[in-house]
Amino acid sequence: QVQLVESGGGLVQAGGSLRLSCAVSGRTFSRYTMGWFRQAPGKEREFVGDISWSGGRTRYADSVKGRFTISRDNAKNTLYLQMNGLKAEDTAVYYCAAPPLMLQLPPPVVSEYRYWGQGTQVTVSS
């Protein structure tokens, strides 16, 4: 059974930084694209970014491009999201997610991902 567990969320002032982690178990982590999504109160869950199985390709939503960086350590089965220059509008629950198939680059939408973590809250005070 696939398990994804996020950590690292918290309260930070605008302009600050946080690093989220996502520990993955139950599958061959190194063969799967991994994604980050977020959901703010009253809004739909949205794509933040993703990283290919080898880490050679990353993709970001325009709203976070240049501020957020996704990386992975395949030896540790862990995904990361480094968030710099945080803004109040980045406040949300952040989720890591995995698609159903290996060696796949899914479209950046919620419906293409099957496995989800429980989420971690990020709150940015202005």
Protein backbone atom coordinates (compact mmCIF):
# COMPACT_ATOMS: atom_id res chain seq x y z
CA GLN A 1 0.00 0.00 0.00
CA VAL A 2 1.32 3.39 -0.99
CA GLN A 3 1.74 5.92 1.80
CA LEU A 4 2.68 9.58 1.49
CA VAL A 5 3.36 11.64 4.60
CA GLU A 6 4.00 15.37 4.42
CA SER A 7 5.77 17.41 7.07
CA GLY A 8 7.33 20.82 7.53
CA GLY A 9 4.34 23.11 7.41
CA GLY A 10 3.83 25.95 9.85
CA LEU A 11 3.34 29.66 10.36
CA VAL A 12 5.76 32.05 8.68
CA GLN A 13 5.87 35.76 7.99
CA ALA A 14 5.54 37.11 4.48
CA GLY A 15 8.89 36.98 2.73
CA GLY A 16 10.01 34.00 4.76
CA SER A 17 10.83 30.44 3.76
CA LEU A 18 9.71 26.90 4.54
CA ARG A 19 10.72 23.49 3.29
CA LEU A 20 8.13 20.76 3.05
CA SER A 21 9.00 17.09 2.91
CA CYS A 22 7.02 14.10 1.71
CA ALA A 23 8.11 10.63 2.75
CA VAL A 24 6.91 7.88 0.43
CA SER A 25 6.64 4.18 1.12
CA GLY A 26 5.08 1.18 -0.56
CA ARG A 27 6.31 1.69 -4.11
CA THR A 28 9.43 2.16 -6.18
CA PHE A 29 9.71 5.88 -5.56
CA SER A 30 12.46 6.41 -8.12
CA ARG A 31 10.19 5.36 -11.01
CA TYR A 32 7.37 7.85 -10.39
CA THR A 33 6.80 11.49 -11.16
CA MET A 34 5.77 13.28 -7.98
CA GLY A 35 3.61 16.35 -7.61
CA TRP A 36 2.80 19.08 -5.10
CA PHE A 37 -0.67 20.58 -4.89
CA ARG A 38 -2.32 23.03 -2.51
CA GLN A 39 -5.80 23.94 -1.40
CA ALA A 40 -6.74 27.25 0.16
CA PRO A 41 -9.97 27.68 2.16
CA GLY A 42 -12.97 27.85 -0.11
CA LYS A 43 -10.93 27.10 -3.22
CA GLU A 44 -10.27 24.08 -5.35
CA ARG A 45 -7.09 22.08 -5.03
CA GLU A 46 -4.50 23.40 -7.47
CA PHE A 47 -1.25 22.27 -9.02
CA VAL A 48 1.93 23.75 -7.57
CA GLY A 49 4.59 21.78 -9.40
CA ASP A 50 5.97 18.38 -10.23
CA ILE A 51 9.25 16.57 -10.76
CA SER A 52 10.04 13.64 -13.03
CA TRP A 53 11.17 10.31 -11.63
CA SER A 54 14.86 11.05 -12.22
CA GLY A 55 14.59 14.64 -11.06
CA GLY A 56 15.75 15.85 -14.44
CA ARG A 57 12.61 17.78 -15.23
CA THR A 58 10.53 20.10 -13.07
CA ARG A 59 7.44 22.12 -13.85
CA TYR A 60 5.78 24.89 -11.83
CA ALA A 61 2.58 26.86 -11.73
CA ASP A 62 3.07 30.45 -12.82
CA SER A 63 2.08 31.66 -9.36
CA VAL A 64 5.10 30.03 -7.71
CA LYS A 65 7.67 30.02 -10.50
CA GLY A 66 10.96 31.54 -9.35
CA ARG A 67 10.03 31.24 -5.67
CA PHE A 68 9.43 27.50 -5.14
CA THR A 69 11.78 24.63 -5.93
CA ILE A 70 10.91 20.95 -6.04
CA SER A 71 13.58 18.32 -5.51
CA ARG A 72 13.77 14.68 -4.59
CA ASP A 73 16.15 12.23 -2.95
CA ASN A 74 15.46 8.83 -4.46
CA ALA A 75 17.82 7.14 -2.01
CA LYS A 76 15.66 8.41 0.86
CA ASN A 77 12.27 8.04 -0.89
CA THR A 78 11.60 11.67 -0.09
CA LEU A 79 10.19 14.60 -2.04
CA TYR A 80 10.83 18.24 -1.10
CA LEU A 81 9.26 21.62 -1.73
CA GLN A 82 11.45 24.61 -0.90
CA MET A 83 9.32 27.73 -0.64
CA ASN A 84 10.99 31.13 -0.59
CA GLY A 85 9.54 34.62 -0.74
CA LEU A 86 6.27 33.40 0.74
CA LYS A 87 3.18 35.54 0.28
CA ALA A 88 -0.14 35.61 2.12
CA GLU A 89 -1.78 34.05 -0.92
CA ASP A 90 0.43 30.97 -0.51
CA THR A 91 -1.55 30.09 2.62
CA ALA A 92 -3.06 26.66 2.03
CA VAL A 93 -2.89 23.00 2.88
CA TYR A 94 -0.11 21.48 0.81
CA TYR A 95 -0.31 17.92 -0.50
CA CYS A 96 2.17 15.64 -2.19
CA ALA A 97 0.76 13.22 -4.72
CA ALA A 98 1.73 10.39 -7.04
CA PRO A 99 0.17 9.17 -10.29
CA PRO A 100 -0.94 5.58 -10.79
CA LEU A 101 1.67 4.62 -13.39
CA MET A 102 5.44 4.64 -13.31
CA LEU A 103 7.60 6.49 -15.84
CA GLN A 104 4.66 8.74 -16.61
CA LEU A 105 4.52 12.54 -16.93
CA PRO A 106 0.89 13.25 -16.09
CA PRO A 107 -0.88 16.48 -16.95
CA PRO A 108 -0.77 18.94 -14.05
CA VAL A 109 -4.28 18.30 -12.79
CA VAL A 110 -5.71 16.68 -9.67
CA SER A 111 -7.53 13.95 -11.55
CA GLU A 112 -4.29 12.50 -12.95
CA TYR A 113 -2.95 11.70 -9.49
CA ARG A 114 -4.13 8.69 -7.50
CA TYR A 115 -2.17 8.72 -4.25
CA TRP A 116 -2.25 11.61 -1.80
CA GLY A 117 -0.78 12.52 1.53
CA GLN A 118 -2.82 13.91 4.39
CA GLY A 119 -1.57 17.44 3.79
CA THR A 120 0.37 19.95 5.83
CA GLN A 121 -0.83 23.46 6.68
CA VAL A 122 1.20 26.47 5.56
CA THR A 123 0.11 29.82 6.89
CA VAL A 124 1.77 33.04 5.78
CA SER A 125 1.07 36.14 7.84
CA SER A 126 1.23 39.52 6.17
